[in-house]
C-alpha cells in the first residue's frame, strides 16, 4: 500500500511538473516570438507619424493617441460607478437577496463574449444615443465590460477591512459616510488601484467590441474632437494591418508594443498589491 501510494505521489508530481514546464514554455515562446518578429520593425518614424495613403508612409501615432483617449474616457466613467456600486453593496445595502442578485449579475456580465458587448454598444450608443461610430461610443461600451471587474475587486477589498475599525470609528461618534471615507476606503485602496490597472489591461487588449463602436479610422485629433470621431486603437489597427492590408511587419510591431504594455500592467498590479499589503501589515 505504501509503495503504491508513493508511486501515485511521484506520478502526480511528475505530471504537475510537466504541465508547469509546458505552460512556461508556451508563454516564453509566445512572448519571445512576438518580440522577435516585432522589435525589428519598430522605428521612431513608425511611432511618431501618421498614416499617409499618398506617400505610402505607415505611422501609428494616431492609433496610440486613440488608445490613450479611450483609456482615459473609460476610466473617468467606470471608476466612480464601480467604486460607488461596491461601497453601496458592501456598506449600505441591507437586502441580502438584492446584493446576491447584483453580484450574480456582475459575474454573468464578466463572462459574456466581447463581441456581444460590441453589438449592444453599436445598437445603444451608436444608434439609439446618436453618438455614431466614435471613440466615446467605444469607451461607453468598455465601461459596460469593465464595470463588473472594478466593482467586484473593490467589493472584495472592502470586505477585507476589519469590522472592528468601523465599530471603533462609530464609537467615536463618526457618521457612516465619514467612517467609509476616512477608515474603510484608505484600508482598501489597493483593491481600487488593482481593479483600475486590470481594467486598463482589458481596455488595451480589446478589439472585437471596438470594431463595432469606435471604428477603424487612422485619424489624429485632439482629445475632445477625437472622442467624437471614429478612431482605431492599437488592437484594432493590428487587426486592420494584418487582416485587411497584409502589413504583417507593422502588425507584429504593434503586437510587441501591446505585449510590453501588458507585462508592465501585470507587473504594476503585482507591485501595487504587495506594497499596500506590506503597508497594511505594518
C-alpha atoms as a PDB file:
ATOM      1  CA  UNK A   1       0.000   0.000   0.000  1.00  0.00           C
ATOM      2  CA  UNK A   2       2.812   2.421   0.907  1.00  0.00           C
ATOM      3  CA  UNK A   3       4.648   1.629  -2.337  1.00  0.00           C
ATOM      4  CA  UNK A   4       1.530   2.203  -4.383  1.00  0.00           C
ATOM      5  CA  UNK A   5       0.860   5.460  -2.586  1.00  0.00           C
ATOM      6  CA  UNK A   6       4.454   6.598  -3.095  1.00  0.00           C
ATOM      7  CA  UNK A   7       4.269   5.714  -6.803  1.00  0.00           C
ATOM      8  CA  UNK A   8       0.995   7.630  -7.109  1.00  0.00           C
ATOM      9  CA  UNK A   9       2.502  10.732  -5.443  1.00  0.00           C
ATOM     10  CA  UNK A  10       5.593  10.602  -7.652  1.00  0.00           C
ATOM     11  CA  UNK A  11       3.453  10.183 -10.769  1.00  0.00           C
ATOM     12  CA  UNK A  12       1.268  13.175  -9.871  1.00  0.00           C
ATOM     13  CA  UNK A  13       4.327  15.301  -9.114  1.00  0.00           C
ATOM     14  CA  UNK A  14       5.820  14.374 -12.475  1.00  0.00           C
ATOM     15  CA  UNK A  15       2.574  15.239 -14.275  1.00  0.00           C
ATOM     16  CA  UNK A  16       2.330  18.591 -12.485  1.00  0.00           C
ATOM     17  CA  UNK A  17       5.952  19.337 -13.327  1.00  0.00           C
ATOM     18  CA  UNK A  18       5.360  18.518 -16.986  1.00  0.00           C
ATOM     19  CA  UNK A  19       2.248  20.698 -17.030  1.00  0.00           C
ATOM     20  CA  UNK A  20       4.115  23.603 -15.428  1.00  0.00           C
ATOM     21  CA  UNK A  21       7.003  23.277 -17.860  1.00  0.00           C
ATOM     22  CA  UNK A  22       4.603  23.159 -20.835  1.00  0.00           C
ATOM     23  CA  UNK A  23       2.773  26.313 -19.687  1.00  0.00           C
ATOM     24  CA  UNK A  24       6.014  28.204 -19.042  1.00  0.00           C
ATOM     25  CA  UNK A  25       7.453  27.099 -22.393  1.00  0.00           C
ATOM     26  CA  UNK A  26       4.296  28.239 -24.200  1.00  0.00           C
ATOM     27  CA  UNK A  27       4.350  31.660 -22.516  1.00  0.00           C
ATOM     28  CA  UNK A  28       8.068  32.161 -23.180  1.00  0.00           C
ATOM     29  CA  UNK A  29       7.668  31.055 -26.805  1.00  0.00           C
ATOM     30  CA  UNK A  30       4.715  33.389 -27.377  1.00  0.00           C
ATOM     31  CA  UNK A  31       6.417  36.422 -25.832  1.00  0.00           C
ATOM     32  CA  UNK A  32       9.736  35.664 -27.497  1.00  0.00           C
ATOM     33  CA  UNK A  33       8.217  35.088 -30.937  1.00  0.00           C
ATOM     34  CA  UNK A  34       6.171  38.301 -30.858  1.00  0.00           C
ATOM     35  CA  UNK A  35       9.154  40.357 -29.694  1.00  0.00           C
ATOM     36  CA  UNK A  36      11.467  38.679 -32.222  1.00  0.00           C
ATOM     37  CA  UNK A  37       9.114  39.496 -35.093  1.00  0.00           C
ATOM     38  CA  UNK A  38       8.004  42.891 -33.794  1.00  0.00           C
ATOM     39  CA  UNK A  39      11.022  44.713 -32.353  1.00  0.00           C
ATOM     40  CA  UNK A  40      12.995  44.863 -35.661  1.00  0.00           C
ATOM     41  CA  UNK A  41      10.008  46.615 -37.270  1.00  0.00           C
ATOM     42  CA  UNK A  42       9.784  49.307 -34.593  1.00  0.00           C
ATOM     43  CA  UNK A  43      11.164  52.683 -35.535  1.00  0.00           C
ATOM     44  CA  UNK A  44      10.896  56.267 -34.381  1.00  0.00           C
ATOM     45  CA  UNK A  45       9.157  57.166 -37.628  1.00  0.00           C
ATOM     46  CA  UNK A  46       6.530  54.459 -37.077  1.00  0.00           C
ATOM     47  CA  UNK A  47       5.782  55.721 -33.565  1.00  0.00           C
ATOM     48  CA  UNK A  48       5.703  59.450 -34.313  1.00  0.00           C
ATOM     49  CA  UNK A  49       3.972  59.778 -37.696  1.00  0.00           C
ATOM     50  CA  UNK A  50       0.522  59.122 -39.082  1.00  0.00           C
ATOM     51  CA  UNK A  51      -0.679  57.048 -41.998  1.00  0.00           C
ATOM     52  CA  UNK A  52      -0.389  58.707 -45.406  1.00  0.00           C
ATOM     53  CA  UNK A  53      -2.003  56.986 -48.359  1.00  0.00           C
ATOM     54  CA  UNK A  54      -0.416  59.454 -50.797  1.00  0.00           C
ATOM     55  CA  UNK A  55       3.194  58.678 -49.871  1.00  0.00           C
ATOM     56  CA  UNK A  56       2.612  55.145 -48.596  1.00  0.00           C
ATOM     57  CA  UNK A  57       4.025  56.062 -45.189  1.00  0.00           C
ATOM     58  CA  UNK A  58       2.740  53.998 -42.256  1.00  0.00           C
ATOM     59  CA  UNK A  59       2.650  55.522 -38.780  1.00  0.00           C
ATOM     60  CA  UNK A  60       0.730  54.502 -35.675  1.00  0.00           C
ATOM     61  CA  UNK A  61       0.795  57.763 -33.708  1.00  0.00           C
ATOM     62  CA  UNK A  62      -2.974  58.319 -34.228  1.00  0.00           C
ATOM     63  CA  UNK A  63      -3.644  54.774 -33.012  1.00  0.00           C
ATOM     64  CA  UNK A  64      -1.540  55.367 -29.894  1.00  0.00           C
ATOM     65  CA  UNK A  65      -3.392  58.614 -29.166  1.00  0.00           C
ATOM     66  CA  UNK A  66      -6.770  56.957 -29.756  1.00  0.00           C
ATOM     67  CA  UNK A  67      -5.806  54.228 -27.289  1.00  0.00           C
ATOM     68  CA  UNK A  68      -4.843  56.818 -24.668  1.00  0.00           C
ATOM     69  CA  UNK A  69      -8.084  58.748 -25.253  1.00  0.00           C
ATOM     70  CA  UNK A  70     -10.298  55.689 -24.877  1.00  0.00           C
ATOM     71  CA  UNK A  71      -8.451  54.523 -21.747  1.00  0.00           C
ATOM     72  CA  UNK A  72      -8.919  57.934 -20.080  1.00  0.00           C
ATOM     73  CA  UNK A  73     -12.584  58.227 -21.101  1.00  0.00           C
ATOM     74  CA  UNK A  74     -13.368  54.717 -19.889  1.00  0.00           C
ATOM     75  CA  UNK A  75     -11.672  55.118 -16.510  1.00  0.00           C
ATOM     76  CA  UNK A  76     -13.307  58.502 -15.869  1.00  0.00           C
ATOM     77  CA  UNK A  77     -16.717  56.833 -16.125  1.00  0.00           C
ATOM     78  CA  UNK A  78     -16.133  53.316 -14.832  1.00  0.00           C
ATOM     79  CA  UNK A  79     -14.189  54.118 -11.647  1.00  0.00           C
ATOM     80  CA  UNK A  80     -16.856  56.277  -9.939  1.00  0.00           C
ATOM     81  CA  UNK A  81     -19.609  53.861 -10.993  1.00  0.00           C
ATOM     82  CA  UNK A  82     -17.743  50.711  -9.973  1.00  0.00           C
ATOM     83  CA  UNK A  83     -16.390  52.025  -6.666  1.00  0.00           C
ATOM     84  CA  UNK A  84     -19.715  53.664  -5.773  1.00  0.00           C
ATOM     85  CA  UNK A  85     -21.646  50.463  -6.504  1.00  0.00           C
ATOM     86  CA  UNK A  86     -19.202  48.421  -4.424  1.00  0.00           C
ATOM     87  CA  UNK A  87     -19.492  50.833  -1.481  1.00  0.00           C
ATOM     88  CA  UNK A  88     -23.281  50.732  -1.595  1.00  0.00           C
ATOM     89  CA  UNK A  89     -23.490  46.943  -1.821  1.00  0.00           C
ATOM     90  CA  UNK A  90     -20.974  46.414   0.975  1.00  0.00           C
ATOM     91  CA  UNK A  91     -21.701  49.239   3.394  1.00  0.00           C
ATOM     92  CA  UNK A  92     -25.294  50.402   2.833  1.00  0.00           C
ATOM     93  CA  UNK A  93     -27.405  47.645   1.271  1.00  0.00           C
ATOM     94  CA  UNK A  94     -29.425  45.644   3.796  1.00  0.00           C
ATOM     95  CA  UNK A  95     -31.328  43.357   1.424  1.00  0.00           C
ATOM     96  CA  UNK A  96     -29.013  40.372   1.117  1.00  0.00           C
ATOM     97  CA  UNK A  97     -31.061  38.855  -1.687  1.00  0.00           C
ATOM     98  CA  UNK A  98     -30.705  42.010  -3.750  1.00  0.00           C
ATOM     99  CA  UNK A  99     -26.963  42.080  -3.138  1.00  0.00           C
ATOM    100  CA  UNK A 100     -26.644  38.422  -4.115  1.00  0.00           C
ATOM    101  CA  UNK A 101     -28.654  39.035  -7.293  1.00  0.00           C
ATOM    102  CA  UNK A 102     -26.471  42.002  -8.290  1.00  0.00           C
ATOM    103  CA  UNK A 103     -23.292  40.032  -7.576  1.00  0.00           C
ATOM    104  CA  UNK A 104     -24.605  37.148  -9.688  1.00  0.00           C
ATOM    105  CA  UNK A 105     -25.415  39.572 -12.499  1.00  0.00           C
ATOM    106  CA  UNK A 106     -21.906  41.037 -12.290  1.00  0.00           C
ATOM    107  CA  UNK A 107     -20.347  37.569 -12.510  1.00  0.00           C
ATOM    108  CA  UNK A 108     -22.543  36.805 -15.513  1.00  0.00           C
ATOM    109  CA  UNK A 109     -21.539  40.034 -17.237  1.00  0.00           C
ATOM    110  CA  UNK A 110     -17.878  39.145 -16.746  1.00  0.00           C
ATOM    111  CA  UNK A 111     -18.323  36.005 -18.826  1.00  0.00           C
ATOM    112  CA  UNK A 112     -20.196  37.494 -21.778  1.00  0.00           C
ATOM    113  CA  UNK A 113     -18.147  37.478 -25.018  1.00  0.00           C
ATOM    114  CA  UNK A 114     -16.874  40.891 -26.014  1.00  0.00           C
ATOM    115  CA  UNK A 115     -18.453  40.661 -29.468  1.00  0.00           C
ATOM    116  CA  UNK A 116     -21.881  40.764 -27.792  1.00  0.00           C
ATOM    117  CA  UNK A 117     -20.876  43.919 -25.922  1.00  0.00           C
ATOM    118  CA  UNK A 118     -19.874  45.372 -29.270  1.00  0.00           C
ATOM    119  CA  UNK A 119     -23.251  44.559 -30.783  1.00  0.00           C
ATOM    120  CA  UNK A 120     -25.117  46.055 -27.818  1.00  0.00           C
ATOM    121  CA  UNK A 121     -22.868  49.123 -27.823  1.00  0.00           C
ATOM    122  CA  UNK A 122     -23.470  49.654 -31.527  1.00  0.00           C
ATOM    123  CA  UNK A 123     -27.252  49.455 -31.093  1.00  0.00           C
ATOM    124  CA  UNK A 124     -27.457  51.509 -27.881  1.00  0.00           C
ATOM    125  CA  UNK A 125     -24.669  54.105 -28.053  1.00  0.00           C
ATOM    126  CA  UNK A 126     -24.036  54.439 -31.786  1.00  0.00           C
ATOM    127  CA  UNK A 127     -27.642  54.343 -32.981  1.00  0.00           C
ATOM    128  CA  UNK A 128     -30.062  54.946 -30.094  1.00  0.00           C
ATOM    129  CA  UNK A 129     -27.922  57.604 -28.374  1.00  0.00           C
ATOM    130  CA  UNK A 130     -26.857  59.034 -31.751  1.00  0.00           C
ATOM    131  CA  UNK A 131     -23.153  59.006 -30.882  1.00  0.00           C
ATOM    132  CA  UNK A 132     -22.295  57.361 -34.167  1.00  0.00           C
ATOM    133  CA  UNK A 133     -19.134  55.358 -34.672  1.00  0.00           C
ATOM    134  CA  UNK A 134     -16.844  57.192 -32.280  1.00  0.00           C
ATOM    135  CA  UNK A 135     -14.346  56.720 -29.500  1.00  0.00           C
ATOM    136  CA  UNK A 136     -16.960  57.847 -26.969  1.00  0.00           C
ATOM    137  CA  UNK A 137     -19.286  55.042 -28.045  1.00  0.00           C
ATOM    138  CA  UNK A 138     -16.377  52.624 -27.734  1.00  0.00           C
ATOM    139  CA  UNK A 139     -15.468  53.986 -24.298  1.00  0.00           C
ATOM    140  CA  UNK A 140     -19.037  53.579 -23.014  1.00  0.00           C
ATOM    141  CA  UNK A 141     -19.079  50.020 -24.343  1.00  0.00           C
ATOM    142  CA  UNK A 142     -15.850  49.312 -22.483  1.00  0.00           C
ATOM    143  CA  UNK A 143     -17.444  50.814 -19.362  1.00  0.00           C
ATOM    144  CA  UNK A 144     -20.072  48.058 -19.505  1.00  0.00           C
ATOM    145  CA  UNK A 145     -17.355  45.451 -19.941  1.00  0.00           C
ATOM    146  CA  UNK A 146     -15.101  46.656 -17.121  1.00  0.00           C
ATOM    147  CA  UNK A 147     -17.748  47.679 -14.591  1.00  0.00           C
ATOM    148  CA  UNK A 148     -18.054  44.156 -13.094  1.00  0.00           C
ATOM    149  CA  UNK A 149     -14.265  43.923 -12.712  1.00  0.00           C
ATOM    150  CA  UNK A 150     -13.925  47.234 -10.882  1.00  0.00           C
ATOM    151  CA  UNK A 151     -16.998  46.585  -8.743  1.00  0.00           C
ATOM    152  CA  UNK A 152     -16.024  43.068  -7.689  1.00  0.00           C
ATOM    153  CA  UNK A 153     -12.365  43.854  -6.923  1.00  0.00           C
ATOM    154  CA  UNK A 154     -13.382  46.883  -4.862  1.00  0.00           C
ATOM    155  CA  UNK A 155     -16.094  44.928  -3.111  1.00  0.00           C
ATOM    156  CA  UNK A 156     -13.753  42.101  -2.137  1.00  0.00           C
ATOM    157  CA  UNK A 157     -11.214  44.635  -0.916  1.00  0.00           C
ATOM    158  CA  UNK A 158     -13.850  46.398   1.188  1.00  0.00           C
ATOM    159  CA  UNK A 159     -14.683  43.102   2.867  1.00  0.00           C
ATOM    160  CA  UNK A 160     -11.066  42.682   3.993  1.00  0.00           C
ATOM    161  CA  UNK A 161     -11.234  45.812   6.191  1.00  0.00           C
ATOM    162  CA  UNK A 162     -11.783  44.543   9.775  1.00  0.00           C
ATOM    163  CA  UNK A 163     -15.197  45.264  11.223  1.00  0.00           C
ATOM    164  CA  UNK A 164     -13.505  46.441  14.415  1.00  0.00           C
ATOM    165  CA  UNK A 165     -12.200  49.503  12.542  1.00  0.00           C
ATOM    166  CA  UNK A 166     -15.740  50.509  11.635  1.00  0.00           C
ATOM    167  CA  UNK A 167     -17.060  49.883  15.156  1.00  0.00           C
ATOM    168  CA  UNK A 168     -14.227  51.903  16.685  1.00  0.00           C
ATOM    169  CA  UNK A 169     -14.958  54.854  14.402  1.00  0.00           C
ATOM    170  CA  UNK A 170     -18.690  54.620  15.139  1.00  0.00           C
ATOM    171  CA  UNK A 171     -17.879  54.556  18.851  1.00  0.00           C
ATOM    172  CA  UNK A 172     -16.026  57.846  18.480  1.00  0.00           C
ATOM    173  CA  UNK A 173     -19.180  59.425  17.058  1.00  0.00           C
ATOM    174  CA  UNK A 174     -18.334  59.422  13.348  1.00  0.00           C
ATOM    175  CA  UNK A 175     -21.143  59.090  10.824  1.00  0.00           C
ATOM    176  CA  UNK A 176     -21.311  56.267   8.318  1.00  0.00           C
ATOM    177  CA  UNK A 177     -20.039  58.254   5.344  1.00  0.00           C
ATOM    178  CA  UNK A 178     -17.192  59.682   7.421  1.00  0.00           C
ATOM    179  CA  UNK A 179     -16.255  56.169   8.522  1.00  0.00           C
ATOM    180  CA  UNK A 180     -16.256  54.993   4.913  1.00  0.00           C
ATOM    181  CA  UNK A 181     -14.258  57.984   3.701  1.00  0.00           C
ATOM    182  CA  UNK A 182     -11.627  58.090   6.461  1.00  0.00           C
ATOM    183  CA  UNK A 183     -11.372  54.467   7.624  1.00  0.00           C
ATOM    184  CA  UNK A 184     -12.718  51.988   5.081  1.00  0.00           C
ATOM    185  CA  UNK A 185     -11.554  53.452   1.764  1.00  0.00           C
ATOM    186  CA  UNK A 186      -7.933  54.081   2.874  1.00  0.00           C
ATOM    187  CA  UNK A 187      -7.820  50.463   4.009  1.00  0.00           C
ATOM    188  CA  UNK A 188      -8.940  49.074   0.655  1.00  0.00           C
ATOM    189  CA  UNK A 189      -7.236  51.437  -1.770  1.00  0.00           C
ATOM    190  CA  UNK A 190      -5.157  48.511  -3.055  1.00  0.00           C
ATOM    191  CA  UNK A 191      -8.282  46.830  -4.416  1.00  0.00           C
ATOM    192  CA  UNK A 192      -9.388  50.006  -6.172  1.00  0.00           C
ATOM    193  CA  UNK A 193      -5.982  50.502  -7.775  1.00  0.00           C
ATOM    194  CA  UNK A 194      -5.758  46.826  -8.748  1.00  0.00           C
ATOM    195  CA  UNK A 195      -9.184  46.976 -10.396  1.00  0.00           C
ATOM    196  CA  UNK A 196      -8.132  50.131 -12.240  1.00  0.00           C
ATOM    197  CA  UNK A 197      -4.933  48.515 -13.529  1.00  0.00           C
ATOM    198  CA  UNK A 198      -6.743  45.352 -14.610  1.00  0.00           C
ATOM    199  CA  UNK A 199      -9.313  47.482 -16.425  1.00  0.00           C
ATOM    200  CA  UNK A 200      -6.543  49.290 -18.300  1.00  0.00           C
ATOM    201  CA  UNK A 201      -5.150  45.934 -19.363  1.00  0.00           C
ATOM    202  CA  UNK A 202      -8.504  44.794 -20.680  1.00  0.00           C
ATOM    203  CA  UNK A 203      -9.080  48.081 -22.481  1.00  0.00           C
ATOM    204  CA  UNK A 204      -5.702  47.814 -24.204  1.00  0.00           C
ATOM    205  CA  UNK A 205      -6.412  44.263 -25.328  1.00  0.00           C
ATOM    206  CA  UNK A 206      -9.962  44.764 -26.595  1.00  0.00           C
ATOM    207  CA  UNK A 207     -10.666  44.787 -30.312  1.00  0.00           C
ATOM    208  CA  UNK A 208     -13.935  42.978 -31.137  1.00  0.00           C
ATOM    209  CA  UNK A 209     -16.210  45.420 -29.331  1.00  0.00           C
ATOM    210  CA  UNK A 210     -14.350  48.449 -30.679  1.00  0.00           C
ATOM    211  CA  UNK A 211     -14.666  47.308 -34.283  1.00  0.00           C
ATOM    212  CA  UNK A 212     -18.428  47.799 -33.936  1.00  0.00           C
ATOM    213  CA  UNK A 213     -18.377  51.037 -31.959  1.00  0.00           C
ATOM    214  CA  UNK A 214     -15.119  53.016 -32.259  1.00  0.00           C
ATOM    215  CA  UNK A 215     -14.354  52.381 -35.920  1.00  0.00           C
ATOM    216  CA  UNK A 216     -11.110  51.892 -37.840  1.00  0.00           C
ATOM    217  CA  UNK A 217     -10.046  55.402 -38.905  1.00  0.00           C
ATOM    218  CA  UNK A 218      -6.343  56.273 -38.568  1.00  0.00           C
ATOM    219  CA  UNK A 219      -7.133  59.937 -37.916  1.00  0.00           C
ATOM    220  CA  UNK A 220      -5.240  62.132 -35.465  1.00  0.00           C
ATOM    221  CA  UNK A 221      -7.365  64.548 -33.432  1.00  0.00           C
ATOM    222  CA  UNK A 222      -7.322  66.341 -30.121  1.00  0.00           C
ATOM    223  CA  UNK A 223      -8.858  64.729 -27.058  1.00  0.00           C
ATOM    224  CA  UNK A 224     -12.400  66.109 -27.264  1.00  0.00           C
ATOM    225  CA  UNK A 225     -12.536  66.063 -31.062  1.00  0.00           C
ATOM    226  CA  UNK A 226     -11.144  62.554 -31.053  1.00  0.00           C
ATOM    227  CA  UNK A 227     -13.835  61.279 -28.696  1.00  0.00           C
ATOM    228  CA  UNK A 228     -16.495  62.497 -31.109  1.00  0.00           C
ATOM    229  CA  UNK A 229     -14.942  60.926 -34.198  1.00  0.00           C
ATOM    230  CA  UNK A 230     -14.086  57.435 -35.384  1.00  0.00           C
ATOM    231  CA  UNK A 231     -10.660  56.102 -34.474  1.00  0.00           C
ATOM    232  CA  UNK A 232      -8.714  52.853 -34.372  1.00  0.00           C
ATOM    233  CA  UNK A 233      -6.956  51.779 -31.194  1.00  0.00           C
ATOM    234  CA  UNK A 234      -3.738  49.760 -31.282  1.00  0.00           C
ATOM    235  CA  UNK A 235      -5.539  46.411 -31.226  1.00  0.00           C
ATOM    236  CA  UNK A 236      -7.945  47.436 -33.992  1.00  0.00           C
ATOM    237  CA  UNK A 237      -5.032  48.814 -36.026  1.00  0.00           C
ATOM    238  CA  UNK A 238      -3.208  45.499 -35.573  1.00  0.00           C
ATOM    239  CA  UNK A 239      -6.210  43.668 -36.977  1.00  0.00           C
ATOM    240  CA  UNK A 240      -6.561  46.049 -39.910  1.00  0.00           C
ATOM    241  CA  UNK A 241      -2.876  45.965 -40.881  1.00  0.00           C
ATOM    242  CA  UNK A 242      -2.647  42.173 -40.592  1.00  0.00           C
ATOM    243  CA  UNK A 243      -6.027  41.097 -41.977  1.00  0.00           C
ATOM    244  CA  UNK A 244      -7.016  43.807 -44.430  1.00  0.00           C
ATOM    245  CA  UNK A 245      -3.691  45.161 -45.710  1.00  0.00           C
ATOM    246  CA  UNK A 246      -1.215  42.307 -45.205  1.00  0.00           C
ATOM    247  CA  UNK A 247       1.298  44.543 -43.398  1.00  0.00           C
ATOM    248  CA  UNK A 248       2.484  41.856 -41.010  1.00  0.00           C
ATOM    249  CA  UNK A 249       5.639  43.746 -40.078  1.00  0.00           C
ATOM    250  CA  UNK A 250       3.602  46.669 -38.741  1.00  0.00           C
ATOM    251  CA  UNK A 251       1.152  44.246 -37.119  1.00  0.00           C
ATOM    252  CA  UNK A 252       3.954  42.476 -35.239  1.00  0.00           C
ATOM    253  CA  UNK A 253       5.417  45.838 -34.208  1.00  0.00           C
ATOM    254  CA  UNK A 254       2.060  46.803 -32.672  1.00  0.00           C
ATOM    255  CA  UNK A 255       1.825  43.348 -31.079  1.00  0.00           C
ATOM    256  CA  UNK A 256       5.248  43.857 -29.481  1.00  0.00           C
ATOM    257  CA  UNK A 257       4.109  47.212 -28.059  1.00  0.00           C
ATOM    258  CA  UNK A 258       0.940  45.633 -26.647  1.00  0.00           C
ATOM    259  CA  UNK A 259       2.934  42.718 -25.224  1.00  0.00           C
ATOM    260  CA  UNK A 260       5.305  45.050 -23.392  1.00  0.00           C
ATOM    261  CA  UNK A 261       2.400  47.144 -22.098  1.00  0.00           C
ATOM    262  CA  UNK A 262       0.594  44.021 -20.871  1.00  0.00           C
ATOM    263  CA  UNK A 263       3.665  42.806 -18.997  1.00  0.00           C
ATOM    264  CA  UNK A 264       4.145  46.238 -17.424  1.00  0.00           C
ATOM    265  CA  UNK A 265       0.489  46.438 -16.386  1.00  0.00           C
ATOM    266  CA  UNK A 266       0.516  42.996 -14.764  1.00  0.00           C
ATOM    267  CA  UNK A 267       3.809  43.791 -13.033  1.00  0.00           C
ATOM    268  CA  UNK A 268       2.380  47.095 -11.797  1.00  0.00           C
ATOM    269  CA  UNK A 269      -0.690  45.350 -10.383  1.00  0.00           C
ATOM    270  CA  UNK A 270       1.515  42.869  -8.525  1.00  0.00           C
ATOM    271  CA  UNK A 271       3.844  45.545  -7.147  1.00  0.00           C
ATOM    272  CA  UNK A 272       0.971  47.785  -6.037  1.00  0.00           C
ATOM    273  CA  UNK A 273      -0.764  44.889  -4.293  1.00  0.00           C
ATOM    274  CA  UNK A 274       2.432  43.848  -2.486  1.00  0.00           C
ATOM    275  CA  UNK A 275       3.164  47.449  -1.468  1.00  0.00           C
ATOM    276  CA  UNK A 276      -0.212  48.005   0.139  1.00  0.00           C
ATOM    277  CA  UNK A 277      -0.124  44.582   1.809  1.00  0.00           C
ATOM    278  CA  UNK A 278       3.207  45.427   3.435  1.00  0.00           C
ATOM    279  CA  UNK A 279       1.901  48.850   4.418  1.00  0.00           C
ATOM    280  CA  UNK A 280      -1.214  47.314   5.952  1.00  0.00           C
ATOM    281  CA  UNK A 281       0.802  44.715   7.884  1.00  0.00           C
ATOM    282  CA  UNK A 282       2.939  47.469   9.405  1.00  0.00           C
END
